[in-house]
Amino acid sequence: NNPLGPRALYLHRNGADTGYRLHGTLEPWSIGTDASSGCIRMFPEDIIDLYQRCPIGTAVQVLPHIADQAPASTPVE
């Protein structure tokens, strides 16, 4: 019942905890909405996979949300 879901990656800058996390969620329907305090929420299976791939010290670059600025595309079925 951890609100961070099954895993959490803590983000540090210059050796200090930023307070931000990459983490899972118990409310997957909330992903993509303004429902966090700045953390990046992921589906449980995705954060488990990412957690296994990222050793301590892995560099992380967080980019601004640009989906609203992207050109329209045709969905692929």
PDB file of N, CA and C in Angstrom:
ATOM      1  N   ASN A   1       0.810  -1.212   0.000  1.00  0.00           N
ATOM      2  CA  ASN A   1       0.000   0.000   0.000  1.00  0.00           C
ATOM      3  C   ASN A   1       0.847   1.266   0.000  1.00  0.00           C
ATOM      4  N   ASN A   2       2.071   1.167  -0.482  1.00  0.00           N
ATOM      5  CA  ASN A   2       2.950   2.331  -0.554  1.00  0.00           C
ATOM      6  C   ASN A   2       2.451   3.278  -1.648  1.00  0.00           C
ATOM      7  N   PRO A   3       2.183   4.549  -1.349  1.00  0.00           N
ATOM      8  CA  PRO A   3       1.700   5.477  -2.373  1.00  0.00           C
ATOM      9  C   PRO A   3       2.695   5.700  -3.513  1.00  0.00           C
ATOM     10  N   LEU A   4       3.976   5.333  -3.301  1.00  0.00           N
ATOM     11  CA  LEU A   4       4.970   5.452  -4.370  1.00  0.00           C
ATOM     12  C   LEU A   4       4.974   4.222  -5.266  1.00  0.00           C
ATOM     13  N   GLY A   5       4.069   3.297  -5.026  1.00  0.00           N
ATOM     14  CA  GLY A   5       4.001   2.103  -5.849  1.00  0.00           C
ATOM     15  C   GLY A   5       5.113   1.125  -5.508  1.00  0.00           C
ATOM     16  N   PRO A   6       5.421   0.215  -6.449  1.00  0.00           N
ATOM     17  CA  PRO A   6       6.361  -0.862  -6.148  1.00  0.00           C
ATOM     18  C   PRO A   6       7.828  -0.442  -6.080  1.00  0.00           C
ATOM     19  N   ARG A   7       8.199   0.677  -6.687  1.00  0.00           N
ATOM     20  CA  ARG A   7       9.597   1.142  -6.689  1.00  0.00           C
ATOM     21  C   ARG A   7       9.614   2.667  -6.742  1.00  0.00           C
ATOM     22  N   ALA A   8      10.741   3.251  -6.302  1.00  0.00           N
ATOM     23  CA  ALA A   8      10.940   4.698  -6.420  1.00  0.00           C
ATOM     24  C   ALA A   8      12.416   4.968  -6.652  1.00  0.00           C
ATOM     25  N   LEU A   9      12.708   5.848  -7.567  1.00  0.00           N
ATOM     26  CA  LEU A   9      14.070   6.316  -7.815  1.00  0.00           C
ATOM     27  C   LEU A   9      14.140   7.748  -7.302  1.00  0.00           C
ATOM     28  N   TYR A  10      15.010   7.991  -6.345  1.00  0.00           N
ATOM     29  CA  TYR A  10      15.153   9.308  -5.728  1.00  0.00           C
ATOM     30  C   TYR A  10      16.129  10.134  -6.556  1.00  0.00           C
ATOM     31  N   LEU A  11      15.739  11.348  -6.901  1.00  0.00           N
ATOM     32  CA  LEU A  11      16.589  12.204  -7.724  1.00  0.00           C
ATOM     33  C   LEU A  11      17.400  13.143  -6.840  1.00  0.00           C
ATOM     34  N   HIS A  12      18.708  13.147  -7.069  1.00  0.00           N
ATOM     35  CA  HIS A  12      19.639  14.002  -6.322  1.00  0.00           C
ATOM     36  C   HIS A  12      20.329  14.964  -7.278  1.00  0.00           C
ATOM     37  N   ARG A  13      20.690  16.115  -6.778  1.00  0.00           N
ATOM     38  CA  ARG A  13      21.480  17.088  -7.545  1.00  0.00           C
ATOM     39  C   ARG A  13      22.607  17.563  -6.644  1.00  0.00           C
ATOM     40  N   ASN A  14      23.828  17.476  -7.154  1.00  0.00           N
ATOM     41  CA  ASN A  14      25.012  17.871  -6.382  1.00  0.00           C
ATOM     42  C   ASN A  14      25.062  17.168  -5.023  1.00  0.00           C
ATOM     43  N   GLY A  15      24.668  15.902  -5.001  1.00  0.00           N
ATOM     44  CA  GLY A  15      24.741  15.108  -3.780  1.00  0.00           C
ATOM     45  C   GLY A  15      23.603  15.312  -2.798  1.00  0.00           C
ATOM     46  N   ALA A  16      22.647  16.172  -3.123  1.00  0.00           N
ATOM     47  CA  ALA A  16      21.532  16.445  -2.208  1.00  0.00           C
ATOM     48  C   ALA A  16      20.215  15.953  -2.804  1.00  0.00           C
ATOM     49  N   ASP A  17      19.361  15.416  -1.957  1.00  0.00           N
ATOM     50  CA  ASP A  17      18.048  14.950  -2.386  1.00  0.00           C
ATOM     51  C   ASP A  17      17.216  16.146  -2.840  1.00  0.00           C
ATOM     52  N   THR A  18      16.641  16.066  -4.049  1.00  0.00           N
ATOM     53  CA  THR A  18      15.818  17.155  -4.579  1.00  0.00           C
ATOM     54  C   THR A  18      14.385  17.100  -4.062  1.00  0.00           C
ATOM     55  N   GLY A  19      13.989  15.953  -3.510  1.00  0.00           N
ATOM     56  CA  GLY A  19      12.597  15.771  -3.102  1.00  0.00           C
ATOM     57  C   GLY A  19      11.737  15.222  -4.229  1.00  0.00           C
ATOM     58  N   TYR A  20      12.289  15.146  -5.431  1.00  0.00           N
ATOM     59  CA  TYR A  20      11.559  14.605  -6.578  1.00  0.00           C
ATOM     60  C   TYR A  20      11.892  13.135  -6.751  1.00  0.00           C
ATOM     61  N   ARG A  21      10.951  12.404  -7.332  1.00  0.00           N
ATOM     62  CA  ARG A  21      11.105  10.968  -7.515  1.00  0.00           C
ATOM     63  C   ARG A  21      10.556  10.548  -8.879  1.00  0.00           C
ATOM     64  N   LEU A  22      11.095   9.454  -9.379  1.00  0.00           N
ATOM     65  CA  LEU A  22      10.447   8.676 -10.434  1.00  0.00           C
ATOM     66  C   LEU A  22       9.855   7.501  -9.679  1.00  0.00           C
ATOM     67  N   HIS A  23       8.548   7.306  -9.743  1.00  0.00           N
ATOM     68  CA  HIS A  23       7.957   6.238  -8.938  1.00  0.00           C
ATOM     69  C   HIS A  23       6.679   5.704  -9.551  1.00  0.00           C
ATOM     70  N   GLY A  24       6.255   4.568  -9.027  1.00  0.00           N
ATOM     71  CA  GLY A  24       4.993   3.980  -9.438  1.00  0.00           C
ATOM     72  C   GLY A  24       3.840   4.690  -8.750  1.00  0.00           C
ATOM     73  N   THR A  25       2.665   4.137  -8.902  1.00  0.00           N
ATOM     74  CA  THR A  25       1.487   4.711  -8.268  1.00  0.00           C
ATOM     75  C   THR A  25       0.456   3.621  -8.018  1.00  0.00           C
ATOM     76  N   LEU A  26      -0.342   3.806  -7.006  1.00  0.00           N
ATOM     77  CA  LEU A  26      -1.465   2.908  -6.747  1.00  0.00           C
ATOM     78  C   LEU A  26      -2.697   3.348  -7.528  1.00  0.00           C
ATOM     79  N   GLU A  27      -2.581   4.485  -8.232  1.00  0.00           N
ATOM     80  CA  GLU A  27      -3.699   5.051  -8.993  1.00  0.00           C
ATOM     81  C   GLU A  27      -3.274   5.265 -10.446  1.00  0.00           C
ATOM     82  N   PRO A  28      -3.091   4.181 -11.220  1.00  0.00           N
ATOM     83  CA  PRO A  28      -2.573   4.321 -12.582  1.00  0.00           C
ATOM     84  C   PRO A  28      -3.442   5.188 -13.491  1.00  0.00           C
ATOM     85  N   TRP A  29      -4.732   5.323 -13.195  1.00  0.00           N
ATOM     86  CA  TRP A  29      -5.606   6.180 -13.990  1.00  0.00           C
ATOM     87  C   TRP A  29      -5.227   7.652 -13.860  1.00  0.00           C
ATOM     88  N   SER A  30      -4.417   7.997 -12.851  1.00  0.00           N
ATOM     89  CA  SER A  30      -4.035   9.400 -12.644  1.00  0.00           C
ATOM     90  C   SER A  30      -2.788   9.794 -13.437  1.00  0.00           C
ATOM     91  N   ILE A  31      -2.121   8.826 -14.066  1.00  0.00           N
ATOM     92  CA  ILE A  31      -0.908   9.133 -14.833  1.00  0.00           C
ATOM     93  C   ILE A  31      -1.277  10.042 -16.003  1.00  0.00           C
ATOM     94  N   GLY A  32      -0.494  11.079 -16.190  1.00  0.00           N
ATOM     95  CA  GLY A  32      -0.755  12.050 -17.248  1.00  0.00           C
ATOM     96  C   GLY A  32      -1.625  13.208 -16.803  1.00  0.00           C
ATOM     97  N   THR A  33      -1.986  13.229 -15.526  1.00  0.00           N
ATOM     98  CA  THR A  33      -2.781  14.337 -14.999  1.00  0.00           C
ATOM     99  C   THR A  33      -1.941  15.125 -13.995  1.00  0.00           C
ATOM    100  N   ASP A  34      -2.440  16.269 -13.599  1.00  0.00           N
ATOM    101  CA  ASP A  34      -1.773  17.106 -12.592  1.00  0.00           C
ATOM    102  C   ASP A  34      -2.124  16.592 -11.197  1.00  0.00           C
ATOM    103  N   ALA A  35      -1.625  15.415 -10.854  1.00  0.00           N
ATOM    104  CA  ALA A  35      -2.016  14.801  -9.583  1.00  0.00           C
ATOM    105  C   ALA A  35      -0.844  14.584  -8.641  1.00  0.00           C
ATOM    106  N   SER A  36       0.318  15.144  -8.969  1.00  0.00           N
ATOM    107  CA  SER A  36       1.474  14.919  -8.099  1.00  0.00           C
ATOM    108  C   SER A  36       2.057  16.250  -7.639  1.00  0.00           C
ATOM    109  N   SER A  37       3.082  16.158  -6.828  1.00  0.00           N
ATOM    110  CA  SER A  37       3.776  17.358  -6.345  1.00  0.00           C
ATOM    111  C   SER A  37       5.074  17.581  -7.108  1.00  0.00           C
ATOM    112  N   GLY A  38       5.097  17.156  -8.354  1.00  0.00           N
ATOM    113  CA  GLY A  38       6.280  17.347  -9.182  1.00  0.00           C
ATOM    114  C   GLY A  38       7.006  16.070  -9.527  1.00  0.00           C
ATOM    115  N   CYS A  39       6.620  14.967  -8.899  1.00  0.00           N
ATOM    116  CA  CYS A  39       7.247  13.683  -9.212  1.00  0.00           C
ATOM    117  C   CYS A  39       6.770  13.184 -10.571  1.00  0.00           C
ATOM    118  N   ILE A  40       7.499  12.216 -11.104  1.00  0.00           N
ATOM    119  CA  ILE A  40       7.124  11.582 -12.361  1.00  0.00           C
ATOM    120  C   ILE A  40       6.566  10.212 -12.011  1.00  0.00           C
ATOM    121  N   ARG A  41       5.257  10.058 -12.202  1.00  0.00           N
ATOM    122  CA  ARG A  41       4.587   8.804 -11.863  1.00  0.00           C
ATOM    123  C   ARG A  41       4.565   7.890 -13.078  1.00  0.00           C
ATOM    124  N   MET A  42       4.762   6.603 -12.838  1.00  0.00           N
ATOM    125  CA  MET A  42       4.828   5.625 -13.915  1.00  0.00           C
ATOM    126  C   MET A  42       3.952   4.425 -13.578  1.00  0.00           C
ATOM    127  N   PHE A  43       3.564   3.690 -14.625  1.00  0.00           N
ATOM    128  CA  PHE A  43       2.838   2.444 -14.402  1.00  0.00           C
ATOM    129  C   PHE A  43       3.737   1.487 -13.624  1.00  0.00           C
ATOM    130  N   PRO A  44       3.169   0.670 -12.746  1.00  0.00           N
ATOM    131  CA  PRO A  44       3.988  -0.220 -11.910  1.00  0.00           C
ATOM    132  C   PRO A  44       4.991  -1.059 -12.698  1.00  0.00           C
ATOM    133  N   GLU A  45       4.571  -1.673 -13.797  1.00  0.00           N
ATOM    134  CA  GLU A  45       5.490  -2.517 -14.561  1.00  0.00           C
ATOM    135  C   GLU A  45       6.625  -1.707 -15.186  1.00  0.00           C
ATOM    136  N   ASP A  46       6.362  -0.434 -15.520  1.00  0.00           N
ATOM    137  CA  ASP A  46       7.395   0.409 -16.126  1.00  0.00           C
ATOM    138  C   ASP A  46       8.439   0.853 -15.106  1.00  0.00           C
ATOM    139  N   ILE A  47       8.012   1.222 -13.894  1.00  0.00           N
ATOM    140  CA  ILE A  47       8.998   1.641 -12.895  1.00  0.00           C
ATOM    141  C   ILE A  47       9.805   0.443 -12.413  1.00  0.00           C
ATOM    142  N   ILE A  48       9.209  -0.742 -12.351  1.00  0.00           N
ATOM    143  CA  ILE A  48       9.967  -1.944 -11.984  1.00  0.00           C
ATOM    144  C   ILE A  48      11.050  -2.199 -13.021  1.00  0.00           C
ATOM    145  N   ASP A  49      10.708  -2.099 -14.301  1.00  0.00           N
ATOM    146  CA  ASP A  49      11.684  -2.301 -15.376  1.00  0.00           C
ATOM    147  C   ASP A  49      12.787  -1.250 -15.319  1.00  0.00           C
ATOM    148  N   LEU A  50      12.410   0.022 -15.177  1.00  0.00           N
ATOM    149  CA  LEU A  50      13.403   1.102 -15.131  1.00  0.00           C
ATOM    150  C   LEU A  50      14.322   0.949 -13.922  1.00  0.00           C
ATOM    151  N   TYR A  51      13.757   0.609 -12.783  1.00  0.00           N
ATOM    152  CA  TYR A  51      14.530   0.427 -11.548  1.00  0.00           C
ATOM    153  C   TYR A  51      15.630  -0.618 -11.743  1.00  0.00           C
ATOM    154  N   GLN A  52      15.301  -1.687 -12.448  1.00  0.00           N
ATOM    155  CA  GLN A  52      16.275  -2.757 -12.686  1.00  0.00           C
ATOM    156  C   GLN A  52      17.392  -2.316 -13.633  1.00  0.00           C
ATOM    157  N   ARG A  53      17.126  -1.326 -14.464  1.00  0.00           N
ATOM    158  CA  ARG A  53      18.091  -0.884 -15.479  1.00  0.00           C
ATOM    159  C   ARG A  53      19.010   0.249 -15.014  1.00  0.00           C
ATOM    160  N   CYS A  54      18.655   0.922 -13.936  1.00  0.00           N
ATOM    161  CA  CYS A  54      19.370   2.136 -13.533  1.00  0.00           C
ATOM    162  C   CYS A  54      20.169   1.929 -12.252  1.00  0.00           C
ATOM    163  N   PRO A  55      21.483   1.787 -12.375  1.00  0.00           N
ATOM    164  CA  PRO A  55      22.288   1.703 -11.155  1.00  0.00           C
ATOM    165  C   PRO A  55      22.347   3.061 -10.453  1.00  0.00           C
ATOM    166  N   ILE A  56      22.702   3.053  -9.187  1.00  0.00           N
ATOM    167  CA  ILE A  56      22.874   4.304  -8.439  1.00  0.00           C
ATOM    168  C   ILE A  56      23.868   5.180  -9.184  1.00  0.00           C
ATOM    169  N   GLY A  57      23.536   6.447  -9.324  1.00  0.00           N
ATOM    170  CA  GLY A  57      24.412   7.394 -10.006  1.00  0.00           C
ATOM    171  C   GLY A  57      24.053   7.620 -11.461  1.00  0.00           C
ATOM    172  N   THR A  58      23.038   6.917 -11.973  1.00  0.00           N
ATOM    173  CA  THR A  58      22.614   7.107 -13.359  1.00  0.00           C
ATOM    174  C   THR A  58      22.141   8.545 -13.553  1.00  0.00           C
ATOM    175  N   ALA A  59      22.634   9.196 -14.610  1.00  0.00           N
ATOM    176  CA  ALA A  59      22.211  10.569 -14.919  1.00  0.00           C
ATOM    177  C   ALA A  59      20.770  10.556 -15.426  1.00  0.00           C
ATOM    178  N   VAL A  60      19.993  11.533 -14.987  1.00  0.00           N
ATOM    179  CA  VAL A  60      18.596  11.666 -15.396  1.00  0.00           C
ATOM    180  C   VAL A  60      18.394  13.067 -15.944  1.00  0.00           C
ATOM    181  N   GLN A  61      17.747  13.157 -17.093  1.00  0.00           N
ATOM    182  CA  GLN A  61      17.409  14.458 -17.663  1.00  0.00           C
ATOM    183  C   GLN A  61      15.892  14.524 -17.770  1.00  0.00           C
ATOM    184  N   VAL A  62      15.284  15.487 -17.098  1.00  0.00           N
ATOM    185  CA  VAL A  62      13.838  15.667 -17.130  1.00  0.00           C
ATOM    186  C   VAL A  62      13.537  16.796 -18.102  1.00  0.00           C
ATOM    187  N   LEU A  63      12.722  16.481 -19.101  1.00  0.00           N
ATOM    188  CA  LEU A  63      12.369  17.455 -20.131  1.00  0.00           C
ATOM    189  C   LEU A  63      10.953  17.964 -19.898  1.00  0.00           C
ATOM    190  N   PRO A  64      10.659  19.180 -20.377  1.00  0.00           N
ATOM    191  CA  PRO A  64       9.299  19.700 -20.213  1.00  0.00           C
ATOM    192  C   PRO A  64       8.319  18.897 -21.059  1.00  0.00           C
ATOM    193  N   HIS A  65       7.070  18.915 -20.657  1.00  0.00           N
ATOM    194  CA  HIS A  65       6.013  18.235 -21.405  1.00  0.00           C
ATOM    195  C   HIS A  65       5.798  18.987 -22.709  1.00  0.00           C
ATOM    196  N   ILE A  66       5.952  18.301 -23.820  1.00  0.00           N
ATOM    197  CA  ILE A  66       5.814  18.979 -25.116  1.00  0.00           C
ATOM    198  C   ILE A  66       4.729  18.360 -25.981  1.00  0.00           C
ATOM    199  N   ALA A  67       3.928  17.453 -25.459  1.00  0.00           N
ATOM    200  CA  ALA A  67       2.909  16.778 -26.262  1.00  0.00           C
ATOM    201  C   ALA A  67       1.941  17.772 -26.891  1.00  0.00           C
ATOM    202  N   ASP A  68       1.594  18.836 -26.178  1.00  0.00           N
ATOM    203  CA  ASP A  68       0.660  19.819 -26.718  1.00  0.00           C
ATOM    204  C   ASP A  68       1.267  20.600 -27.877  1.00  0.00           C
ATOM    205  N   GLN A  69       2.587  20.617 -27.977  1.00  0.00           N
ATOM    206  CA  GLN A  69       3.270  21.359 -29.027  1.00  0.00           C
ATOM    207  C   GLN A  69       3.609  20.480 -30.224  1.00  0.00           C
ATOM    208  N   ALA A  70       3.469  19.167 -30.081  1.00  0.00           N
ATOM    209  CA  ALA A  70       3.841  18.240 -31.148  1.00  0.00           C
ATOM    210  C   ALA A  70       2.824  18.304 -32.278  1.00  0.00           C
ATOM    211  N   PRO A  71       3.285  18.088 -33.527  1.00  0.00           N
ATOM    212  CA  PRO A  71       2.332  18.074 -34.642  1.00  0.00           C
ATOM    213  C   PRO A  71       1.366  16.908 -34.498  1.00  0.00           C
ATOM    214  N   ALA A  72       0.154  17.109 -34.994  1.00  0.00           N
ATOM    215  CA  ALA A  72      -0.843  16.044 -34.932  1.00  0.00           C
ATOM    216  C   ALA A  72      -0.368  14.850 -35.748  1.00  0.00           C
ATOM    217  N   SER A  73      -0.660  13.667 -35.275  1.00  0.00           N
ATOM    218  CA  SER A  73      -0.278  12.463 -36.001  1.00  0.00           C
ATOM    219  C   SER A  73      -1.462  11.519 -36.074  1.00  0.00           C
ATOM    220  N   THR A  74      -1.368  10.581 -36.973  1.00  0.00           N
ATOM    221  CA  THR A  74      -2.421   9.587 -37.120  1.00  0.00           C
ATOM    222  C   THR A  74      -2.086   8.390 -36.248  1.00  0.00           C
ATOM    223  N   PRO A  75      -2.989   8.004 -35.358  1.00  0.00           N
ATOM    224  CA  PRO A  75      -2.709   6.844 -34.505  1.00  0.00           C
ATOM    225  C   PRO A  75      -2.478   5.588 -35.341  1.00  0.00           C
ATOM    226  N   VAL A  76      -1.588   4.748 -34.893  1.00  0.00           N
ATOM    227  CA  VAL A  76      -1.307   3.483 -35.562  1.00  0.00           C
ATOM    228  C   VAL A  76      -2.066   2.390 -34.834  1.00  0.00           C
ATOM    229  N   GLU A  77      -2.795   1.586 -35.589  1.00  0.00           N
ATOM    230  CA  GLU A  77      -3.559   0.500 -34.959  1.00  0.00           C
ATOM    231  C   GLU A  77      -2.838  -0.810 -35.089  1.00  0.00           C
TER     232      GLU A  77
END
